[in-house]
Amino acid sequence: MDRSLYVGMTGASQIMAAQAVMAQNLANVSTNGFRADLHAMSAVPIVGPGFGTRVNAVADSSGFSTEQGALSQTGAPLDVAVLGKGWLAVQAKDGSEAYTRAGDLHLDPDGVLMTATGLPVLGDGGPITVPLADTVSIGSDGTITIVPQGIGAKGASAIGRLKLVNPPEASLVKGVDGLIRTRDGQPAPADAAVQVQSGAIEASNVNAPRALVEMIELARLFDMNTRLMSTVDQNGAAAQKLLSAA
C-alpha cells in the first residue's frame, strides 16, 4: 500500500514539473524568437520487490521545438527574421557565443548592434559596430550596408555581415536564459546558406491552443494521481480498523 502511495506521489510531482514547462511556454507566447520547450512523460518500472505492474511516471525533457514561428512585417531596417533553418549569433552575458531567432535589433549609443534584450550581435570578427550613417540596411545574406552621413547613396559600403549559423539540431541545447548553445560550448561555423528577411521579425513558435489543451490534460492527470493517494489512504485506514477489530 505504501508503494502505491509512492507511485501516486511521484506521478503528481512529475506532472507538476511538466506543468511548469507548459506554463513557461505560455508565458512566452509573445516573446519574439522564443523556442518552445518540449517534454514527454515516460513509464519507468520500479525495480525491487513487489508487483511488476508498478511503474513511475517520469517527465523527461525532450529539447525544444525548432518549428518556425509566424513572421510579422515591421519595416524597420534593422529587424531581421531568419528564414528556415538557422540562427543569429549573439554574445551572451557571460561572454560566450550563443544563438537566437529573435531579430528585433537596434543600435546602442555607441553604435553596437544589439538584440532587444541587450546582447551584442556578432559578425565574423565579433560584436558589430555601425558608424554614423544616413541609412543602414541588411541584405538577405546578412551583409550590413550603410550610407555614411553626407556622402549620398553612391557612397554606400558594406561594413560587415551578421554571423548566421546552422549547426545540426542534435548538437544544440537551450539554456535557462532562453539562448541556444552547442553542447560542447564551441562556436558554430558561419553558414553562408542561411538567409534572413529584413524588415521582419519572427514570433514565438509556441502553439497557444495546443499548450492550453496540454495544460488541461496535465491538470486531469494530476487530479488522478491525487485521488490515487487519497484512495490508498482510505484503504489503509479501513485495513487498520479491521486489524483493530480482530
Protein backbone atom coordinates (compact mmCIF):
# COMPACT_ATOMS: atom_id res chain seq x y z
CA MET A 1 0.00 0.00 0.00
CA ASP A 2 2.82 2.38 0.83
CA ARG A 3 4.31 1.57 -2.57
CA SER A 4 1.08 2.63 -4.29
CA LEU A 5 1.18 5.89 -2.34
CA TYR A 6 4.72 6.47 -3.55
CA VAL A 7 3.68 5.82 -7.16
CA GLY A 8 0.89 8.39 -6.88
CA MET A 9 3.16 10.93 -5.21
CA THR A 10 5.87 10.51 -7.84
CA GLY A 11 3.36 10.86 -10.66
CA ALA A 12 1.89 14.03 -9.16
CA SER A 13 5.30 15.63 -8.63
CA GLN A 14 6.44 14.81 -12.18
CA ILE A 15 3.22 16.22 -13.63
CA MET A 16 3.86 19.43 -11.71
CA ALA A 17 7.27 19.62 -13.41
CA ALA A 18 5.61 19.17 -16.80
CA GLN A 19 3.08 21.89 -15.93
CA ALA A 20 5.96 24.25 -15.16
CA VAL A 21 7.34 23.66 -18.66
CA MET A 22 3.97 24.39 -20.25
CA ALA A 23 3.50 27.49 -18.08
CA GLN A 24 6.90 28.74 -19.24
CA ASN A 25 5.86 28.25 -22.85
CA LEU A 26 2.56 30.05 -22.39
CA ALA A 27 4.30 32.93 -20.64
CA ASN A 28 6.46 33.42 -23.74
CA VAL A 29 3.77 33.28 -26.40
CA SER A 30 4.51 36.92 -27.22
CA THR A 31 8.32 36.70 -26.92
CA ASN A 32 9.93 37.19 -30.33
CA GLY A 33 12.02 34.24 -31.47
CA PHE A 34 11.19 32.10 -28.41
CA ARG A 35 11.61 28.34 -28.92
CA ALA A 36 9.03 26.22 -27.10
CA ASP A 37 10.38 23.69 -24.60
CA LEU A 38 9.28 20.11 -25.14
CA HIS A 39 8.60 17.39 -22.58
CA ALA A 40 7.46 13.79 -22.62
CA MET A 41 6.03 11.52 -19.92
CA SER A 42 7.56 8.06 -19.77
CA ALA A 43 6.79 4.99 -17.66
CA VAL A 44 9.76 3.77 -15.64
CA PRO A 45 9.35 0.34 -13.97
CA ILE A 46 10.14 0.19 -10.26
CA VAL A 47 12.98 -2.21 -9.58
CA GLY A 48 12.71 -4.27 -6.41
CA PRO A 49 10.27 -6.47 -4.52
CA GLY A 50 6.62 -6.10 -5.41
CA PHE A 51 4.38 -6.46 -8.42
CA GLY A 52 5.87 -5.98 -11.86
CA THR A 53 2.98 -3.68 -12.76
CA ARG A 54 4.33 -0.90 -10.52
CA VAL A 55 5.72 1.94 -12.59
CA ASN A 56 6.58 5.57 -12.01
CA ALA A 57 5.61 8.35 -14.41
CA VAL A 58 8.66 10.48 -15.16
CA ALA A 59 8.69 13.80 -17.04
CA ASP A 60 11.64 13.89 -19.44
CA SER A 61 12.89 16.96 -21.26
CA SER A 62 12.96 16.33 -24.99
CA GLY A 63 14.68 19.53 -26.04
CA PHE A 64 12.98 22.41 -27.78
CA SER A 65 10.83 22.95 -30.84
CA THR A 66 12.60 24.09 -34.00
CA GLU A 67 9.41 24.94 -35.88
CA GLN A 68 9.46 28.39 -37.44
CA GLY A 69 7.21 30.97 -35.82
CA ALA A 70 4.99 33.36 -37.73
CA LEU A 71 6.71 36.28 -39.44
CA SER A 72 5.44 39.81 -39.00
CA GLN A 73 6.45 42.74 -41.17
CA THR A 74 7.79 45.72 -39.22
CA GLY A 75 9.50 47.74 -41.93
CA ALA A 76 12.33 48.56 -39.51
CA PRO A 77 15.65 48.32 -41.41
CA LEU A 78 17.45 46.61 -38.52
CA ASP A 79 14.82 43.95 -37.90
CA VAL A 80 15.67 40.55 -39.40
CA ALA A 81 13.90 37.20 -39.46
CA VAL A 82 15.89 34.02 -40.11
CA LEU A 83 14.21 32.08 -42.91
CA GLY A 84 14.02 28.32 -42.49
CA LYS A 85 16.79 26.63 -40.55
CA GLY A 86 19.50 28.71 -38.92
CA TRP A 87 20.35 31.03 -36.04
CA LEU A 88 21.63 34.52 -35.38
CA ALA A 89 24.84 34.58 -33.33
CA VAL A 90 24.97 36.84 -30.26
CA GLN A 91 27.29 37.38 -27.32
CA ALA A 92 25.74 36.08 -24.09
CA LYS A 93 26.12 37.93 -20.80
CA ASP A 94 28.97 35.60 -19.80
CA GLY A 95 30.86 36.48 -22.98
CA SER A 96 30.23 33.17 -24.71
CA GLU A 97 28.73 32.78 -28.16
CA ALA A 98 25.06 31.84 -28.22
CA TYR A 99 22.26 31.75 -30.76
CA THR A 100 18.78 33.17 -31.08
CA ARG A 101 15.95 33.67 -33.56
CA ALA A 102 14.92 37.00 -32.02
CA GLY A 103 15.81 39.51 -34.71
CA ASP A 104 14.38 42.76 -33.31
CA LEU A 105 17.68 44.63 -33.36
CA HIS A 106 18.75 48.18 -32.56
CA LEU A 107 21.88 50.30 -32.15
CA ASP A 108 23.03 51.36 -28.70
CA PRO A 109 24.50 54.87 -28.12
CA ASP A 110 27.95 53.58 -29.12
CA GLY A 111 26.66 52.16 -32.40
CA VAL A 112 26.87 48.50 -31.31
CA LEU A 113 24.20 46.33 -32.90
CA MET A 114 22.15 44.81 -30.08
CA THR A 115 19.19 42.50 -29.57
CA ALA A 116 16.08 43.73 -27.78
CA THR A 117 17.41 42.10 -24.59
CA GLY A 118 20.71 43.97 -24.77
CA LEU A 119 23.01 41.31 -26.23
CA PRO A 120 25.64 42.31 -28.82
CA VAL A 121 25.05 40.80 -32.25
CA LEU A 122 28.10 39.00 -33.63
CA GLY A 123 29.68 39.29 -37.05
CA ASP A 124 32.68 37.47 -38.49
CA GLY A 125 35.02 39.45 -36.23
CA GLY A 126 32.99 39.81 -33.05
CA PRO A 127 30.33 42.34 -32.00
CA ILE A 128 29.18 44.53 -34.88
CA THR A 129 29.63 48.29 -34.58
CA VAL A 130 27.84 50.54 -37.07
CA PRO A 131 29.34 54.02 -37.70
CA LEU A 132 27.16 57.10 -38.07
CA ALA A 133 25.20 56.82 -41.29
CA ASP A 134 22.24 58.23 -43.13
CA THR A 135 20.85 54.75 -43.83
CA VAL A 136 21.58 51.21 -42.65
CA SER A 137 20.29 48.11 -44.42
CA ILE A 138 20.73 44.37 -44.00
CA GLY A 139 20.79 42.09 -47.03
CA SER A 140 19.32 38.60 -47.32
CA ASP A 141 22.75 37.08 -46.66
CA GLY A 142 23.21 39.20 -43.52
CA THR A 143 25.50 41.81 -45.13
CA ILE A 144 25.19 45.21 -43.43
CA THR A 145 25.39 48.15 -45.80
CA ILE A 146 25.47 51.80 -44.80
CA VAL A 147 25.41 55.17 -46.49
CA PRO A 148 27.76 57.37 -44.43
CA GLN A 149 26.46 60.76 -43.41
CA GLY A 150 26.77 63.46 -46.04
CA ILE A 151 28.12 61.20 -48.81
CA GLY A 152 24.95 60.19 -50.64
CA ALA A 153 23.66 56.88 -51.94
CA LYS A 154 26.64 56.44 -54.28
CA GLY A 155 28.88 56.12 -51.23
CA ALA A 156 27.14 53.02 -49.89
CA SER A 157 29.53 50.43 -48.47
CA ALA A 158 29.36 47.10 -46.66
CA ILE A 159 30.74 47.23 -43.13
CA GLY A 160 30.22 43.67 -42.00
CA ARG A 161 27.96 40.66 -42.00
CA LEU A 162 25.77 39.02 -39.42
CA LYS A 163 27.12 35.69 -38.26
CA LEU A 164 24.45 33.19 -39.28
CA VAL A 165 24.91 29.55 -38.30
CA ASN A 166 23.09 26.28 -38.85
CA PRO A 167 24.69 23.51 -36.77
CA PRO A 168 22.98 20.09 -36.50
CA GLU A 169 19.93 20.28 -34.24
CA ALA A 170 21.20 17.34 -32.18
CA SER A 171 24.28 19.37 -31.22
CA LEU A 172 22.26 22.21 -29.69
CA VAL A 173 20.90 22.76 -26.19
CA LYS A 174 18.72 25.50 -24.76
CA GLY A 175 19.94 27.36 -21.68
CA VAL A 176 17.93 28.75 -18.79
CA ASP A 177 18.38 32.19 -20.35
CA GLY A 178 16.47 31.05 -23.43
CA LEU A 179 19.55 31.16 -25.67
CA ILE A 180 20.72 28.23 -27.76
CA ARG A 181 24.27 26.90 -27.46
CA THR A 182 26.31 24.00 -28.78
CA ARG A 183 26.61 21.05 -26.41
CA ASP A 184 30.40 21.26 -26.38
CA GLY A 185 30.38 25.04 -25.92
CA GLN A 186 32.38 25.63 -29.10
CA PRO A 187 31.29 28.34 -31.57
CA ALA A 188 29.49 27.01 -34.62
CA PRO A 189 30.90 27.95 -38.03
CA ALA A 190 29.13 30.57 -40.12
CA ASP A 191 26.85 29.14 -42.81
CA ALA A 192 26.53 31.19 -46.00
CA ALA A 193 23.36 29.30 -46.95
CA VAL A 194 21.34 30.81 -44.08
CA GLN A 195 19.11 33.63 -45.29
CA VAL A 196 17.31 36.43 -43.46
CA GLN A 197 14.44 38.72 -44.32
CA SER A 198 14.97 42.37 -43.50
CA GLY A 199 12.15 44.44 -42.04
CA ALA A 200 10.51 41.45 -40.37
CA ILE A 201 10.70 39.56 -37.08
CA GLU A 202 9.80 36.03 -36.12
CA ALA A 203 7.30 35.49 -33.35
CA SER A 204 7.41 32.76 -30.71
CA ASN A 205 6.77 29.27 -32.08
CA VAL A 206 4.60 28.33 -29.09
CA ASN A 207 1.23 26.99 -30.25
CA ALA A 208 -1.02 28.60 -27.63
CA PRO A 209 -4.17 26.46 -28.24
CA ARG A 210 -2.14 23.25 -28.15
CA ALA A 211 -0.34 24.36 -24.98
CA LEU A 212 -3.65 25.16 -23.26
CA VAL A 213 -5.05 21.71 -24.15
CA GLU A 214 -1.92 20.07 -22.75
CA MET A 215 -2.26 22.10 -19.55
CA ILE A 216 -5.81 20.79 -19.14
CA GLU A 217 -4.66 17.20 -19.76
CA LEU A 218 -1.88 17.59 -17.19
CA ALA A 219 -4.34 19.01 -14.65
CA ARG A 220 -6.55 15.94 -15.10
CA LEU A 221 -3.59 13.60 -14.71
CA PHE A 222 -2.55 15.43 -11.55
CA ASP A 223 -6.08 15.00 -10.18
CA MET A 224 -5.96 11.26 -10.95
CA ASN A 225 -2.74 10.86 -9.00
CA THR A 226 -4.01 12.82 -6.01
CA ARG A 227 -7.16 10.67 -5.99
CA LEU A 228 -4.94 7.58 -6.05
CA MET A 229 -3.13 8.82 -2.95
CA SER A 230 -6.46 9.58 -1.26
CA THR A 231 -7.79 6.11 -2.09
CA VAL A 232 -4.64 4.46 -0.73
CA ASP A 233 -5.01 6.47 2.47
CA GLN A 234 -8.64 5.44 2.84
CA ASN A 235 -7.79 1.78 2.23
CA GLY A 236 -5.07 1.99 4.86
CA ALA A 237 -7.50 3.43 7.41
CA ALA A 238 -10.04 0.68 6.62
CA ALA A 239 -7.40 -2.03 6.97
CA GLN A 240 -6.31 -0.60 10.31
CA LYS A 241 -9.89 -0.77 11.58
CA LEU A 242 -10.16 -4.40 10.54
CA LEU A 243 -6.95 -5.27 12.36
CA SER A 244 -8.10 -3.41 15.47
CA ALA A 245 -11.42 -5.26 15.45
CA ALA A 246 -9.67 -8.58 15.15
